[in-house]
């Protein structure tokens, strides 16, 4: 079974270990209905080293995603490139440590919270919904003091 992010701390060399390769888009374990979908393999080039009671992970990560625009609901491409990736994990016991969740979460957390077409960094484009949903500037007029009992007064009568 291929599990590159399972690190056996007992056999980790003192100078550390280098890992390079790729993982299929399924690595991200995203629901098929999710508005975020991985469209390329995860590419990684990492160095893993022990520093006392911590495990240091440094290197490079990259993957492509298809995101759904929050304005027009169309899909657009977004590339995550972590050129100077660094993570530090506390070692609980000298056994095997799994970096899968850490790496997955660190990549997914770099995706925009409110994706918009113009944020696409693979093929930049203007959002087709741009300008269609301008904020309404009108506010409700203030209630006149002579207009009779206000809304709050009506609520007070219910008590």
C-alpha atoms as a PDB file:
ATOM      1  CA  UNK A   1       0.000   0.000   0.000  1.00  0.00           C
ATOM      2  CA  UNK A   2       1.306   3.432  -1.018  1.00  0.00           C
ATOM      3  CA  UNK A   3       1.345   5.747   2.046  1.00  0.00           C
ATOM      4  CA  UNK A   4       4.091   8.333   1.601  1.00  0.00           C
ATOM      5  CA  UNK A   5       2.913  10.581   4.431  1.00  0.00           C
ATOM      6  CA  UNK A   6       3.153   7.870   7.108  1.00  0.00           C
ATOM      7  CA  UNK A   7       6.521   8.565   8.729  1.00  0.00           C
ATOM      8  CA  UNK A   8       8.104   5.914  10.958  1.00  0.00           C
ATOM      9  CA  UNK A   9       9.932   8.041  13.502  1.00  0.00           C
ATOM     10  CA  UNK A  10      12.037   5.114  14.699  1.00  0.00           C
ATOM     11  CA  UNK A  11      13.701   4.772  11.289  1.00  0.00           C
ATOM     12  CA  UNK A  12      13.862   8.473  10.395  1.00  0.00           C
ATOM     13  CA  UNK A  13      17.524   9.352   9.731  1.00  0.00           C
ATOM     14  CA  UNK A  14      19.084  12.060  11.900  1.00  0.00           C
ATOM     15  CA  UNK A  15      19.573  14.273   8.832  1.00  0.00           C
ATOM     16  CA  UNK A  16      15.914  13.827   7.891  1.00  0.00           C
ATOM     17  CA  UNK A  17      14.223  12.381   4.862  1.00  0.00           C
ATOM     18  CA  UNK A  18      13.178  13.774   1.479  1.00  0.00           C
ATOM     19  CA  UNK A  19       9.823  12.889  -0.076  1.00  0.00           C
ATOM     20  CA  UNK A  20       8.859  13.793  -3.635  1.00  0.00           C
ATOM     21  CA  UNK A  21       6.036  12.608  -5.840  1.00  0.00           C
ATOM     22  CA  UNK A  22       2.369  13.054  -6.485  1.00  0.00           C
ATOM     23  CA  UNK A  23      -0.943  11.890  -5.086  1.00  0.00           C
ATOM     24  CA  UNK A  24      -4.174  11.487  -7.051  1.00  0.00           C
ATOM     25  CA  UNK A  25      -6.902  14.164  -6.659  1.00  0.00           C
ATOM     26  CA  UNK A  26      -8.760  11.665  -4.441  1.00  0.00           C
ATOM     27  CA  UNK A  27      -6.120  12.491  -1.799  1.00  0.00           C
ATOM     28  CA  UNK A  28      -8.223  15.528  -0.847  1.00  0.00           C
ATOM     29  CA  UNK A  29     -11.261  13.349  -0.004  1.00  0.00           C
ATOM     30  CA  UNK A  30     -13.744  15.953  -1.255  1.00  0.00           C
ATOM     31  CA  UNK A  31     -17.414  15.072  -1.615  1.00  0.00           C
ATOM     32  CA  UNK A  32     -18.464  14.953  -5.298  1.00  0.00           C
ATOM     33  CA  UNK A  33     -21.186  17.525  -4.483  1.00  0.00           C
ATOM     34  CA  UNK A  34     -18.680  19.922  -2.903  1.00  0.00           C
ATOM     35  CA  UNK A  35     -18.251  23.250  -4.748  1.00  0.00           C
ATOM     36  CA  UNK A  36     -14.494  22.632  -4.502  1.00  0.00           C
ATOM     37  CA  UNK A  37     -12.978  19.814  -6.553  1.00  0.00           C
ATOM     38  CA  UNK A  38      -9.343  18.828  -7.038  1.00  0.00           C
ATOM     39  CA  UNK A  39      -8.538  18.665 -10.756  1.00  0.00           C
ATOM     40  CA  UNK A  40      -4.892  17.676 -10.664  1.00  0.00           C
ATOM     41  CA  UNK A  41      -2.689  15.442  -8.581  1.00  0.00           C
ATOM     42  CA  UNK A  42      -1.033  16.875  -5.501  1.00  0.00           C
ATOM     43  CA  UNK A  43       2.635  17.462  -6.359  1.00  0.00           C
ATOM     44  CA  UNK A  44       4.970  17.453  -3.374  1.00  0.00           C
ATOM     45  CA  UNK A  45       8.666  17.870  -2.681  1.00  0.00           C
ATOM     46  CA  UNK A  46       9.182  17.801   1.077  1.00  0.00           C
ATOM     47  CA  UNK A  47      11.936  17.440   3.644  1.00  0.00           C
ATOM     48  CA  UNK A  48      10.988  15.843   6.969  1.00  0.00           C
ATOM     49  CA  UNK A  49      13.265  16.242   9.947  1.00  0.00           C
ATOM     50  CA  UNK A  50      13.069  15.676  13.662  1.00  0.00           C
ATOM     51  CA  UNK A  51      13.843  18.590  15.980  1.00  0.00           C
ATOM     52  CA  UNK A  52      13.651  17.391  19.571  1.00  0.00           C
ATOM     53  CA  UNK A  53       9.998  16.667  20.309  1.00  0.00           C
ATOM     54  CA  UNK A  54       8.799  18.210  17.039  1.00  0.00           C
ATOM     55  CA  UNK A  55       8.657  17.026  13.456  1.00  0.00           C
ATOM     56  CA  UNK A  56       9.497  19.723  10.911  1.00  0.00           C
ATOM     57  CA  UNK A  57       8.047  19.456   7.420  1.00  0.00           C
ATOM     58  CA  UNK A  58       9.313  21.901   4.801  1.00  0.00           C
ATOM     59  CA  UNK A  59       9.215  22.055   1.038  1.00  0.00           C
ATOM     60  CA  UNK A  60       6.844  22.645  -1.834  1.00  0.00           C
ATOM     61  CA  UNK A  61       3.203  21.640  -2.480  1.00  0.00           C
ATOM     62  CA  UNK A  62       0.966  22.351  -5.457  1.00  0.00           C
ATOM     63  CA  UNK A  63      -2.419  21.287  -6.836  1.00  0.00           C
ATOM     64  CA  UNK A  64      -5.176  22.599  -9.106  1.00  0.00           C
ATOM     65  CA  UNK A  65      -8.794  22.963  -8.065  1.00  0.00           C
ATOM     66  CA  UNK A  66     -12.094  23.806  -9.701  1.00  0.00           C
ATOM     67  CA  UNK A  67     -14.100  26.238  -7.574  1.00  0.00           C
ATOM     68  CA  UNK A  68     -17.650  27.505  -7.887  1.00  0.00           C
ATOM     69  CA  UNK A  69     -17.958  31.287  -8.089  1.00  0.00           C
ATOM     70  CA  UNK A  70     -20.097  32.725  -5.310  1.00  0.00           C
ATOM     71  CA  UNK A  71     -21.629  35.331  -7.643  1.00  0.00           C
ATOM     72  CA  UNK A  72     -22.348  33.614 -10.976  1.00  0.00           C
ATOM     73  CA  UNK A  73     -22.128  29.961  -9.810  1.00  0.00           C
ATOM     74  CA  UNK A  74     -19.870  29.076 -12.755  1.00  0.00           C
ATOM     75  CA  UNK A  75     -16.738  27.015 -12.213  1.00  0.00           C
ATOM     76  CA  UNK A  76     -13.235  28.415 -12.533  1.00  0.00           C
ATOM     77  CA  UNK A  77      -9.714  27.063 -12.052  1.00  0.00           C
ATOM     78  CA  UNK A  78      -7.555  27.935  -9.075  1.00  0.00           C
ATOM     79  CA  UNK A  79      -3.977  26.808  -8.500  1.00  0.00           C
ATOM     80  CA  UNK A  80      -2.494  26.409  -5.028  1.00  0.00           C
ATOM     81  CA  UNK A  81       1.292  26.696  -4.939  1.00  0.00           C
ATOM     82  CA  UNK A  82       2.965  26.610  -1.558  1.00  0.00           C
ATOM     83  CA  UNK A  83       6.571  27.323  -2.556  1.00  0.00           C
ATOM     84  CA  UNK A  84       7.822  27.634   1.022  1.00  0.00           C
ATOM     85  CA  UNK A  85       5.596  25.188   2.860  1.00  0.00           C
ATOM     86  CA  UNK A  86       6.458  24.697   6.521  1.00  0.00           C
ATOM     87  CA  UNK A  87       4.673  22.789   9.240  1.00  0.00           C
ATOM     88  CA  UNK A  88       5.691  21.780  12.730  1.00  0.00           C
ATOM     89  CA  UNK A  89       4.004  18.876  14.488  1.00  0.00           C
ATOM     90  CA  UNK A  90       4.478  17.810  18.072  1.00  0.00           C
ATOM     91  CA  UNK A  91       5.606  14.203  18.423  1.00  0.00           C
ATOM     92  CA  UNK A  92       3.474  12.398  20.985  1.00  0.00           C
ATOM     93  CA  UNK A  93       5.364   9.092  20.893  1.00  0.00           C
ATOM     94  CA  UNK A  94       8.171   7.488  18.894  1.00  0.00           C
ATOM     95  CA  UNK A  95       5.997   5.565  16.519  1.00  0.00           C
ATOM     96  CA  UNK A  96       4.470   6.363  13.174  1.00  0.00           C
ATOM     97  CA  UNK A  97       3.069   9.798  12.435  1.00  0.00           C
ATOM     98  CA  UNK A  98       0.599  10.445   9.617  1.00  0.00           C
ATOM     99  CA  UNK A  99       1.026  13.764   7.806  1.00  0.00           C
ATOM    100  CA  UNK A 100      -1.916  13.212   5.434  1.00  0.00           C
ATOM    101  CA  UNK A 101      -4.510  15.287   7.322  1.00  0.00           C
ATOM    102  CA  UNK A 102      -2.045  18.082   8.054  1.00  0.00           C
ATOM    103  CA  UNK A 103      -0.991  18.454   4.423  1.00  0.00           C
ATOM    104  CA  UNK A 104      -4.564  18.149   3.149  1.00  0.00           C
ATOM    105  CA  UNK A 105      -5.853  20.788   5.573  1.00  0.00           C
ATOM    106  CA  UNK A 106      -2.965  23.179   4.954  1.00  0.00           C
ATOM    107  CA  UNK A 107      -3.678  23.141   1.218  1.00  0.00           C
ATOM    108  CA  UNK A 108      -7.465  23.398   1.502  1.00  0.00           C
ATOM    109  CA  UNK A 109      -7.161  26.298   3.965  1.00  0.00           C
ATOM    110  CA  UNK A 110      -5.324  28.351   1.324  1.00  0.00           C
ATOM    111  CA  UNK A 111      -8.375  28.269  -0.964  1.00  0.00           C
ATOM    112  CA  UNK A 112     -10.509  31.429  -0.929  1.00  0.00           C
ATOM    113  CA  UNK A 113     -13.401  31.390   1.547  1.00  0.00           C
ATOM    114  CA  UNK A 114     -15.677  33.252  -0.870  1.00  0.00           C
ATOM    115  CA  UNK A 115     -14.447  32.221  -4.323  1.00  0.00           C
ATOM    116  CA  UNK A 116     -15.000  34.619  -7.206  1.00  0.00           C
ATOM    117  CA  UNK A 117     -14.152  34.136 -10.895  1.00  0.00           C
ATOM    118  CA  UNK A 118     -11.742  37.061 -10.909  1.00  0.00           C
ATOM    119  CA  UNK A 119      -9.714  35.287  -8.192  1.00  0.00           C
ATOM    120  CA  UNK A 120      -8.945  32.456 -10.621  1.00  0.00           C
ATOM    121  CA  UNK A 121      -5.196  32.338 -11.143  1.00  0.00           C
ATOM    122  CA  UNK A 122      -5.020  29.784 -13.974  1.00  0.00           C
ATOM    123  CA  UNK A 123      -7.122  31.538 -16.629  1.00  0.00           C
ATOM    124  CA  UNK A 124      -8.039  35.018 -15.331  1.00  0.00           C
ATOM    125  CA  UNK A 125     -11.492  36.194 -16.327  1.00  0.00           C
ATOM    126  CA  UNK A 126     -14.137  38.729 -15.418  1.00  0.00           C
ATOM    127  CA  UNK A 127     -17.146  37.372 -13.536  1.00  0.00           C
ATOM    128  CA  UNK A 128     -20.268  37.373 -15.778  1.00  0.00           C
ATOM    129  CA  UNK A 129     -22.335  38.468 -12.766  1.00  0.00           C
ATOM    130  CA  UNK A 130     -20.175  41.559 -12.152  1.00  0.00           C
ATOM    131  CA  UNK A 131     -22.451  44.561 -11.633  1.00  0.00           C
ATOM    132  CA  UNK A 132     -25.682  42.557 -11.576  1.00  0.00           C
ATOM    133  CA  UNK A 133     -25.942  42.520  -7.808  1.00  0.00           C
ATOM    134  CA  UNK A 134     -25.134  46.052  -6.771  1.00  0.00           C
ATOM    135  CA  UNK A 135     -26.023  46.894  -3.172  1.00  0.00           C
ATOM    136  CA  UNK A 136     -29.266  48.808  -2.659  1.00  0.00           C
ATOM    137  CA  UNK A 137     -28.405  52.217  -1.272  1.00  0.00           C
ATOM    138  CA  UNK A 138     -31.915  53.195  -0.206  1.00  0.00           C
ATOM    139  CA  UNK A 139     -32.705  52.833   3.441  1.00  0.00           C
ATOM    140  CA  UNK A 140     -36.117  52.688   5.010  1.00  0.00           C
ATOM    141  CA  UNK A 141     -37.364  56.115   6.039  1.00  0.00           C
ATOM    142  CA  UNK A 142     -37.336  56.878   9.731  1.00  0.00           C
ATOM    143  CA  UNK A 143     -40.655  56.317  11.444  1.00  0.00           C
ATOM    144  CA  UNK A 144     -42.467  59.531  12.236  1.00  0.00           C
ATOM    145  CA  UNK A 145     -43.115  60.184  15.924  1.00  0.00           C
ATOM    146  CA  UNK A 146     -46.662  61.385  15.156  1.00  0.00           C
ATOM    147  CA  UNK A 147     -47.624  58.365  13.083  1.00  0.00           C
ATOM    148  CA  UNK A 148     -49.161  56.606  16.034  1.00  0.00           C
ATOM    149  CA  UNK A 149     -47.839  53.604  17.954  1.00  0.00           C
ATOM    150  CA  UNK A 150     -44.693  52.197  16.419  1.00  0.00           C
ATOM    151  CA  UNK A 151     -43.687  48.613  15.874  1.00  0.00           C
ATOM    152  CA  UNK A 152     -42.103  48.365  19.318  1.00  0.00           C
ATOM    153  CA  UNK A 153     -45.252  49.676  20.981  1.00  0.00           C
ATOM    154  CA  UNK A 154     -47.302  46.988  19.241  1.00  0.00           C
ATOM    155  CA  UNK A 155     -44.937  44.347  20.603  1.00  0.00           C
ATOM    156  CA  UNK A 156     -45.188  45.771  24.108  1.00  0.00           C
ATOM    157  CA  UNK A 157     -48.994  45.378  23.958  1.00  0.00           C
ATOM    158  CA  UNK A 158     -48.593  41.642  23.365  1.00  0.00           C
ATOM    159  CA  UNK A 159     -46.967  41.190  26.763  1.00  0.00           C
END
